[in-house]
């Protein structure tokens, strides 16, 4: 078993709006403005063959407005353990190149992706609930704020976008039945289980759960990604089982990323503690808050690192956050939300890393703009097909 988290420190995550203000104030100062405009003009030198009538003031102004548009993080984030200055420098090192790239894009005022004019849009498909008798209920707008099913004393309902179910009779059958929620690409769903635990399911995920929780445990089966807020019960531990591991808790908050198409499982702990067991070799670890465990499918071993909880939980706030992810991983995530096919013309392009955060919009264009603005990759779209290659 590998453990890379020797220091057991979580990185400082300051509220994004505060960091945006600090960066914006510096850029707006005389010193910062002069430095940024010089860098913008230097970047333009590489585009002289396609640039006409540039306006540095307009490009700078529009780009500065972009900083204030970055959304705040979720309320759950790592606490202060390192000095703020280190994070400000890191943020500036990431956002200033992005700022310059956006400025060039505004100055060009043209479609740099070679698109045929048709935006690649989000997949808009409703989640489904499969009941123990095999019947399937589509969780669409028509089921909002209504009772949608009742089976053997268990009532299922929609409440403000959530799916909830509860026991309405004093005594239940000893037979444990199973329900399944399928969340397709492009969607999310919040589910409140019978014990009051809440589960948020990300796009392309499936959760199988017992009806009711019975016996001496609360066991669910997950494919995909989910965030759990588990009600504490010493008598009945909560177990999340995936294809390659078992996670056991009494009550806590954690995120599990376990898509069957990928070769690793990531478990991030926000509060409490969890134990993880690898099915391949029975390797077992205990996570502490602010840590992420990665189970490597090829070896069955774990590695532990400090976790950026803002990045881990951003999907719940309808936000993409890329903290040094490879483009291969980025496009795998994007494909769960948007209707497109992708390929890498240059194998090296798949290994390029990208940084930034952006809301999950109805079309993919803003995300592609962010990636290409960093200057490493060239993205070409044609219909619903995306080709990524190295920038010249």
Protein backbone atom coordinates (compact mmCIF):
# COMPACT_ATOMS: atom_id res chain seq x y z
CA UNK A 1 0.00 0.00 0.00
CA UNK A 2 1.29 3.42 -0.94
CA UNK A 3 0.71 6.49 1.20
CA UNK A 4 1.82 9.75 -0.34
CA UNK A 5 0.27 11.97 2.33
CA UNK A 6 3.13 12.13 4.80
CA UNK A 7 2.47 15.67 5.95
CA UNK A 8 -1.30 15.13 6.35
CA UNK A 9 -1.93 18.76 5.42
CA UNK A 10 -4.87 20.04 3.43
CA UNK A 11 -4.20 22.92 1.05
CA UNK A 12 -5.70 26.28 1.94
CA UNK A 13 -8.80 27.06 -0.05
CA UNK A 14 -9.87 30.67 0.40
CA UNK A 15 -13.28 31.76 -0.92
CA UNK A 16 -12.97 32.27 -4.65
CA UNK A 17 -14.52 35.73 -4.60
CA UNK A 18 -11.83 36.97 -2.16
CA UNK A 19 -9.07 35.61 -4.39
CA UNK A 20 -10.75 37.11 -7.44
CA UNK A 21 -10.84 40.51 -5.72
CA UNK A 22 -7.15 40.37 -4.78
CA UNK A 23 -6.18 39.43 -8.32
CA UNK A 24 -8.55 41.99 -9.82
CA UNK A 25 -7.16 44.75 -7.56
CA UNK A 26 -3.60 43.94 -8.63
CA UNK A 27 -4.49 43.82 -12.33
CA UNK A 28 -6.35 47.14 -11.99
CA UNK A 29 -3.36 48.84 -10.35
CA UNK A 30 -0.99 50.83 -12.56
CA UNK A 31 1.80 48.32 -12.08
CA UNK A 32 -0.41 45.31 -12.74
CA UNK A 33 -2.19 46.86 -15.72
CA UNK A 34 1.07 47.77 -17.42
CA UNK A 35 2.49 44.29 -16.84
CA UNK A 36 -0.63 42.53 -18.12
CA UNK A 37 -0.96 44.74 -21.23
CA UNK A 38 2.69 44.08 -22.07
CA UNK A 39 2.10 40.34 -21.81
CA UNK A 40 -1.06 40.62 -23.93
CA UNK A 41 0.84 42.45 -26.66
CA UNK A 42 3.58 39.81 -26.54
CA UNK A 43 0.98 37.09 -27.00
CA UNK A 44 -0.45 38.99 -29.98
CA UNK A 45 2.90 38.78 -31.72
CA UNK A 46 2.26 35.11 -32.39
CA UNK A 47 -1.07 35.93 -34.06
CA UNK A 48 0.02 38.73 -36.42
CA UNK A 49 -1.06 36.77 -39.48
CA UNK A 50 -4.71 36.82 -38.40
CA UNK A 51 -5.01 40.03 -36.36
CA UNK A 52 -6.30 43.31 -37.72
CA UNK A 53 -7.30 46.47 -35.88
CA UNK A 54 -6.52 45.29 -32.36
CA UNK A 55 -7.77 47.32 -29.41
CA UNK A 56 -5.75 46.58 -26.29
CA UNK A 57 -8.00 48.72 -24.05
CA UNK A 58 -11.17 46.86 -25.09
CA UNK A 59 -9.55 43.46 -24.73
CA UNK A 60 -8.16 44.34 -21.30
CA UNK A 61 -11.49 45.72 -20.05
CA UNK A 62 -13.55 42.74 -21.22
CA UNK A 63 -11.10 40.29 -19.71
CA UNK A 64 -11.09 42.10 -16.36
CA UNK A 65 -14.88 41.75 -16.24
CA UNK A 66 -14.49 37.99 -16.64
CA UNK A 67 -12.75 37.64 -13.28
CA UNK A 68 -15.83 38.80 -11.35
CA UNK A 69 -17.94 36.18 -13.13
CA UNK A 70 -16.15 33.21 -11.53
CA UNK A 71 -18.63 31.60 -9.10
CA UNK A 72 -17.91 31.08 -5.38
CA UNK A 73 -17.04 27.62 -4.05
CA UNK A 74 -19.38 25.47 -1.98
CA UNK A 75 -19.61 26.12 1.75
CA UNK A 76 -17.70 22.91 2.47
CA UNK A 77 -14.01 23.59 1.91
CA UNK A 78 -10.70 22.89 3.56
CA UNK A 79 -9.72 25.10 6.49
CA UNK A 80 -6.64 27.26 6.83
CA UNK A 81 -3.44 25.34 7.38
CA UNK A 82 -0.96 27.11 5.10
CA UNK A 83 -0.31 30.81 4.66
CA UNK A 84 -2.73 32.73 2.40
CA UNK A 85 0.12 34.29 0.40
CA UNK A 86 1.13 30.91 -1.02
CA UNK A 87 -2.34 30.33 -2.41
CA UNK A 88 -2.62 33.88 -3.78
CA UNK A 89 0.62 33.36 -5.67
CA UNK A 90 -0.58 29.96 -6.94
CA UNK A 91 -3.89 31.47 -8.05
CA UNK A 92 -2.19 34.34 -9.81
CA UNK A 93 0.19 31.93 -11.54
CA UNK A 94 -2.83 30.07 -12.90
CA UNK A 95 -5.27 32.90 -13.62
CA UNK A 96 -2.93 35.49 -15.15
CA UNK A 97 -2.05 33.27 -18.16
CA UNK A 98 -5.75 32.45 -18.46
CA UNK A 99 -6.56 36.17 -18.29
CA UNK A 100 -4.09 36.92 -21.07
CA UNK A 101 -5.50 34.09 -23.18
CA UNK A 102 -9.04 35.42 -22.80
CA UNK A 103 -7.82 38.89 -23.75
CA UNK A 104 -6.35 37.56 -26.98
CA UNK A 105 -9.59 35.72 -27.70
CA UNK A 106 -11.63 38.90 -27.20
CA UNK A 107 -9.19 40.88 -29.34
CA UNK A 108 -9.46 38.38 -32.17
CA UNK A 109 -13.28 38.45 -31.91
CA UNK A 110 -13.56 35.31 -33.99
CA UNK A 111 -14.36 31.62 -33.63
CA UNK A 112 -11.00 30.05 -32.88
CA UNK A 113 -12.40 26.53 -32.81
CA UNK A 114 -13.21 26.08 -36.48
CA UNK A 115 -16.82 25.15 -35.64
CA UNK A 116 -19.53 24.76 -38.24
CA UNK A 117 -21.74 27.07 -36.18
CA UNK A 118 -23.69 24.42 -34.27
CA UNK A 119 -23.04 24.56 -30.51
CA UNK A 120 -22.42 21.30 -28.68
CA UNK A 121 -25.20 21.26 -26.11
CA UNK A 122 -25.83 19.57 -22.80
CA UNK A 123 -27.57 16.21 -22.81
CA UNK A 124 -30.97 16.83 -21.21
CA UNK A 125 -32.30 13.44 -20.08
CA UNK A 126 -34.28 12.65 -16.94
CA UNK A 127 -33.19 10.26 -14.19
CA UNK A 128 -35.22 7.11 -13.57
CA UNK A 129 -36.28 5.10 -10.52
CA UNK A 130 -36.63 1.33 -10.91
CA UNK A 131 -38.85 -0.20 -8.21
CA UNK A 132 -38.50 -3.73 -6.79
CA UNK A 133 -41.28 -5.03 -9.05
CA UNK A 134 -39.36 -3.88 -12.14
CA UNK A 135 -41.54 -0.88 -12.93
CA UNK A 136 -39.66 2.24 -14.06
CA UNK A 137 -40.63 5.81 -13.18
CA UNK A 138 -39.18 8.74 -15.13
CA UNK A 139 -38.24 11.53 -12.73
CA UNK A 140 -39.25 14.41 -14.97
CA UNK A 141 -40.85 17.77 -14.24
CA UNK A 142 -44.29 16.14 -14.12
CA UNK A 143 -43.29 14.27 -10.94
CA UNK A 144 -42.06 17.35 -9.06
CA UNK A 145 -43.53 17.84 -5.58
CA UNK A 146 -45.77 14.81 -5.76
CA UNK A 147 -46.11 11.26 -4.47
CA UNK A 148 -44.94 9.07 -7.33
CA UNK A 149 -45.27 5.49 -6.02
CA UNK A 150 -46.18 3.34 -3.03
CA UNK A 151 -45.07 -0.26 -2.70
CA UNK A 152 -45.48 -2.51 0.36
CA UNK A 153 -45.71 0.39 2.80
CA UNK A 154 -42.85 2.38 1.25
CA UNK A 155 -43.81 5.75 -0.22
CA UNK A 156 -41.68 7.46 -2.89
CA UNK A 157 -42.08 11.17 -3.53
CA UNK A 158 -40.40 14.19 -5.15
CA UNK A 159 -39.74 17.19 -2.93
CA UNK A 160 -38.09 20.30 -4.39
CA UNK A 161 -36.12 18.27 -6.92
CA UNK A 162 -35.13 15.52 -4.47
CA UNK A 163 -36.27 11.91 -4.53
CA UNK A 164 -37.28 10.70 -1.05
CA UNK A 165 -38.75 7.51 0.29
CA UNK A 166 -39.96 6.50 3.73
CA UNK A 167 -41.67 3.72 5.65
CA UNK A 168 -45.35 4.43 6.26
CA UNK A 169 -46.29 1.25 8.19
CA UNK A 170 -45.34 0.06 11.67
CA UNK A 171 -44.09 -3.35 10.60
CA UNK A 172 -42.30 -4.31 7.44
CA UNK A 173 -41.76 -7.62 5.72
CA UNK A 174 -38.49 -9.38 6.54
CA UNK A 175 -37.78 -9.53 2.81
CA UNK A 176 -35.31 -6.88 1.66
CA UNK A 177 -36.21 -5.43 -1.73
CA UNK A 178 -34.02 -3.25 -3.92
CA UNK A 179 -34.54 0.00 -5.76
CA UNK A 180 -32.28 1.53 -8.38
CA UNK A 181 -31.77 5.14 -9.42
CA UNK A 182 -30.11 5.78 -12.79
CA UNK A 183 -28.82 9.28 -13.48
CA UNK A 184 -27.98 9.64 -17.20
CA UNK A 185 -25.32 11.82 -18.79
CA UNK A 186 -26.06 15.53 -18.45
CA UNK A 187 -28.09 15.20 -15.23
CA UNK A 188 -27.82 15.12 -11.45
CA UNK A 189 -30.15 13.92 -8.70
CA UNK A 190 -30.39 14.21 -4.92
CA UNK A 191 -31.82 11.23 -3.05
CA UNK A 192 -32.85 10.99 0.61
CA UNK A 193 -32.63 7.42 1.83
CA UNK A 194 -34.95 5.85 4.39
CA UNK A 195 -32.55 6.53 7.28
CA UNK A 196 -32.35 10.23 6.41
CA UNK A 197 -28.94 10.03 4.70
CA UNK A 198 -28.62 12.23 1.62
CA UNK A 199 -26.92 11.17 -1.62
CA UNK A 200 -26.12 13.44 -4.56
CA UNK A 201 -25.59 11.47 -7.79
CA UNK A 202 -23.52 12.93 -10.63
CA UNK A 203 -24.02 12.43 -14.36
CA UNK A 204 -23.73 8.86 -15.64
CA UNK A 205 -24.18 7.24 -12.21
CA UNK A 206 -26.28 4.47 -10.70
CA UNK A 207 -27.18 3.72 -7.07
CA UNK A 208 -28.81 0.49 -5.91
CA UNK A 209 -30.28 0.64 -2.40
CA UNK A 210 -32.31 -1.66 -0.09
CA UNK A 211 -35.98 -1.09 0.71
CA UNK A 212 -35.97 -0.89 3.67
CA UNK A 213 -32.61 -0.78 5.47
CA UNK A 214 -32.74 -3.91 7.60
CA UNK A 215 -30.37 -6.13 9.57
CA UNK A 216 -27.12 -4.82 11.06
CA UNK A 217 -25.89 -2.64 8.17
CA UNK A 218 -26.94 -0.06 5.58
CA UNK A 219 -25.40 -1.20 2.28
CA UNK A 220 -25.72 0.51 -1.10
CA UNK A 221 -24.06 -0.20 -4.45
CA UNK A 222 -22.58 2.60 -6.56
CA UNK A 223 -21.43 2.98 -10.15
CA UNK A 224 -20.22 6.47 -11.04
CA UNK A 225 -19.84 9.46 -8.71
CA UNK A 226 -21.80 10.38 -5.59
CA UNK A 227 -21.49 12.62 -2.56
CA UNK A 228 -22.84 11.11 0.67
CA UNK A 229 -24.01 12.86 3.84
CA UNK A 230 -24.63 9.85 6.09
CA UNK A 231 -26.77 9.90 9.24
CA UNK A 232 -24.82 8.54 12.19
CA UNK A 233 -25.77 5.09 13.52
CA UNK A 234 -23.34 3.08 15.64
CA UNK A 235 -25.62 0.05 15.45
CA UNK A 236 -25.87 0.10 11.65
CA UNK A 237 -22.71 1.11 9.77
CA UNK A 238 -23.20 2.55 6.29
CA UNK A 239 -21.39 0.65 3.51
CA UNK A 240 -20.82 1.87 -0.05
CA UNK A 241 -19.83 -0.99 -2.32
CA UNK A 242 -18.32 -0.47 -5.77
CA UNK A 243 -16.82 -2.94 -8.24
CA UNK A 244 -13.38 -2.80 -6.59
CA UNK A 245 -13.78 -1.59 -3.01
CA UNK A 246 -15.95 -1.37 0.09
CA UNK A 247 -16.26 1.82 2.13
CA UNK A 248 -17.55 1.67 5.72
CA UNK A 249 -18.72 4.59 7.87
CA UNK A 250 -20.88 5.31 10.90
CA UNK A 251 -21.81 8.84 9.81
CA UNK A 252 -19.87 11.39 7.77
CA UNK A 253 -19.55 13.35 4.49
CA UNK A 254 -17.52 11.95 1.61
CA UNK A 255 -17.34 11.75 -2.18
CA UNK A 256 -16.80 8.57 -4.20
CA UNK A 257 -15.72 8.65 -7.86
CA UNK A 258 -16.01 5.11 -9.25
CA UNK A 259 -16.93 5.03 -12.92
CA UNK A 260 -16.52 1.51 -14.37
CA UNK A 261 -14.81 2.84 -17.53
CA UNK A 262 -11.87 4.26 -15.54
CA UNK A 263 -8.92 2.45 -13.98
CA UNK A 264 -9.02 4.01 -10.51
CA UNK A 265 -11.48 4.87 -7.74
CA UNK A 266 -11.18 8.15 -5.82
CA UNK A 267 -12.66 8.61 -2.34
CA UNK A 268 -12.43 12.05 -0.70
CA UNK A 269 -13.35 12.63 2.94
CA UNK A 270 -14.86 15.91 4.11
CA UNK A 271 -15.80 15.16 7.73
CA UNK A 272 -15.67 12.15 10.06
CA UNK A 273 -13.70 9.04 9.14
CA UNK A 274 -14.08 6.14 6.73
CA UNK A 275 -12.37 2.80 6.24
CA UNK A 276 -11.68 1.46 2.75
CA UNK A 277 -11.03 -2.12 1.73
CA UNK A 278 -9.66 -3.15 -1.67
CA UNK A 279 -11.47 -6.22 -3.02
CA UNK A 280 -8.38 -7.24 -5.01
CA UNK A 281 -6.00 -7.84 -2.10
CA UNK A 282 -7.95 -6.82 1.04
CA UNK A 283 -5.67 -3.77 1.56
CA UNK A 284 -7.32 -1.54 4.16
CA UNK A 285 -6.82 2.13 5.02
CA UNK A 286 -8.46 4.77 7.23
CA UNK A 287 -9.05 8.23 5.78
CA UNK A 288 -8.97 11.50 7.71
CA UNK A 289 -10.81 14.71 6.75
CA UNK A 290 -9.11 16.56 3.89
CA UNK A 291 -7.63 13.38 2.41
CA UNK A 292 -8.30 11.55 -0.86
CA UNK A 293 -7.62 7.86 -1.41
CA UNK A 294 -6.99 6.54 -4.90
CA UNK A 295 -7.45 2.81 -5.48
CA UNK A 296 -5.33 1.70 -8.44
CA UNK A 297 -7.15 -1.09 -10.27
CA UNK A 298 -3.99 -2.58 -11.76
CA UNK A 299 -2.39 -3.28 -8.37
CA UNK A 300 -5.30 -3.13 -5.94
CA UNK A 301 -3.27 -0.74 -3.75
CA UNK A 302 -4.14 2.68 -2.37
CA UNK A 303 -2.36 6.02 -2.41
CA UNK A 304 -3.39 8.94 -0.19
CA UNK A 305 -3.04 12.64 -0.97
CA UNK A 306 -4.32 15.94 0.39
CA UNK A 307 -7.55 16.98 -1.32
CA UNK A 308 -8.89 20.26 -2.67
CA UNK A 309 -12.48 19.87 -1.48
CA UNK A 310 -13.68 22.74 -3.68
CA UNK A 311 -12.53 20.82 -6.75
CA UNK A 312 -13.92 17.50 -5.50
CA UNK A 313 -17.37 18.89 -4.70
CA UNK A 314 -17.69 21.49 -7.48
CA UNK A 315 -19.96 19.25 -9.57
CA UNK A 316 -22.67 19.58 -6.91
CA UNK A 317 -22.62 23.33 -7.58
CA UNK A 318 -22.86 22.77 -11.35
CA UNK A 319 -19.25 23.79 -11.87
CA UNK A 320 -16.23 22.30 -13.62
CA UNK A 321 -12.96 22.75 -11.71
CA UNK A 322 -9.74 21.53 -13.31
CA UNK A 323 -6.79 21.63 -10.92
CA UNK A 324 -4.05 20.28 -13.16
CA UNK A 325 -6.14 17.50 -14.73
CA UNK A 326 -4.98 15.97 -18.01
CA UNK A 327 -7.03 16.79 -21.09
CA UNK A 328 -7.84 13.10 -21.42
CA UNK A 329 -9.49 13.22 -17.98
CA UNK A 330 -11.11 16.58 -18.71
CA UNK A 331 -12.78 15.35 -21.90
CA UNK A 332 -13.89 12.15 -20.17
CA UNK A 333 -15.73 14.35 -17.65
CA UNK A 334 -17.12 16.68 -20.30
CA UNK A 335 -18.50 13.76 -22.30
CA UNK A 336 -20.79 12.91 -19.37
CA UNK A 337 -22.50 16.27 -19.77
CA UNK A 338 -22.40 17.13 -23.47
CA UNK A 339 -23.37 15.32 -26.63
CA UNK A 340 -20.09 14.90 -28.52
CA UNK A 341 -17.35 12.51 -29.58
CA UNK A 342 -13.70 13.41 -29.16
CA UNK A 343 -10.26 12.31 -30.27
CA UNK A 344 -6.66 13.45 -29.83
CA UNK A 345 -4.80 14.10 -33.07
CA UNK A 346 -1.52 14.22 -31.12
CA UNK A 347 -1.08 11.62 -28.31
CA UNK A 348 0.86 14.24 -26.32
CA UNK A 349 -2.21 16.49 -26.29
CA UNK A 350 -4.07 13.98 -24.13
CA UNK A 351 -1.45 14.42 -21.40
CA UNK A 352 -1.55 18.23 -21.34
CA UNK A 353 -2.78 19.66 -18.05
CA UNK A 354 -5.27 22.46 -17.57
CA UNK A 355 -6.37 24.74 -14.72
CA UNK A 356 -9.45 26.83 -14.07
CA UNK A 357 -13.09 26.78 -13.01
CA UNK A 358 -16.24 27.50 -14.97
CA UNK A 359 -19.98 26.86 -14.53
CA UNK A 360 -21.62 23.97 -16.37
CA UNK A 361 -23.41 25.85 -19.14
CA UNK A 362 -25.97 24.49 -21.59
CA UNK A 363 -23.35 24.41 -24.34
CA UNK A 364 -19.68 23.50 -24.18
CA UNK A 365 -18.18 26.55 -25.89
CA UNK A 366 -17.14 28.39 -22.70
CA UNK A 367 -15.28 25.32 -21.42
CA UNK A 368 -13.42 24.93 -24.71
CA UNK A 369 -12.52 28.63 -24.64
CA UNK A 370 -10.99 28.20 -21.19
CA UNK A 371 -8.91 25.19 -22.28
CA UNK A 372 -7.65 26.75 -25.48
CA UNK A 373 -6.91 30.12 -23.85
CA UNK A 374 -4.06 28.51 -21.89
CA UNK A 375 -2.19 28.24 -25.18
CA UNK A 376 -1.23 24.56 -25.08
CA UNK A 377 -3.97 22.93 -27.16
CA UNK A 378 -5.85 23.67 -30.37
CA UNK A 379 -9.49 22.51 -30.39
CA UNK A 380 -11.45 21.96 -33.60
CA UNK A 381 -15.17 21.17 -33.63
CA UNK A 382 -17.25 19.85 -36.50
CA UNK A 383 -20.83 19.00 -35.68
CA UNK A 384 -20.68 16.98 -32.47
CA UNK A 385 -17.09 15.81 -33.05
CA UNK A 386 -14.13 17.42 -31.28
CA UNK A 387 -10.50 17.02 -32.30
CA UNK A 388 -7.73 18.12 -29.93
CA UNK A 389 -4.15 18.69 -31.04
CA UNK A 390 -1.07 20.50 -29.84
CA UNK A 391 -0.99 24.25 -30.39
CA UNK A 392 1.64 25.38 -32.87
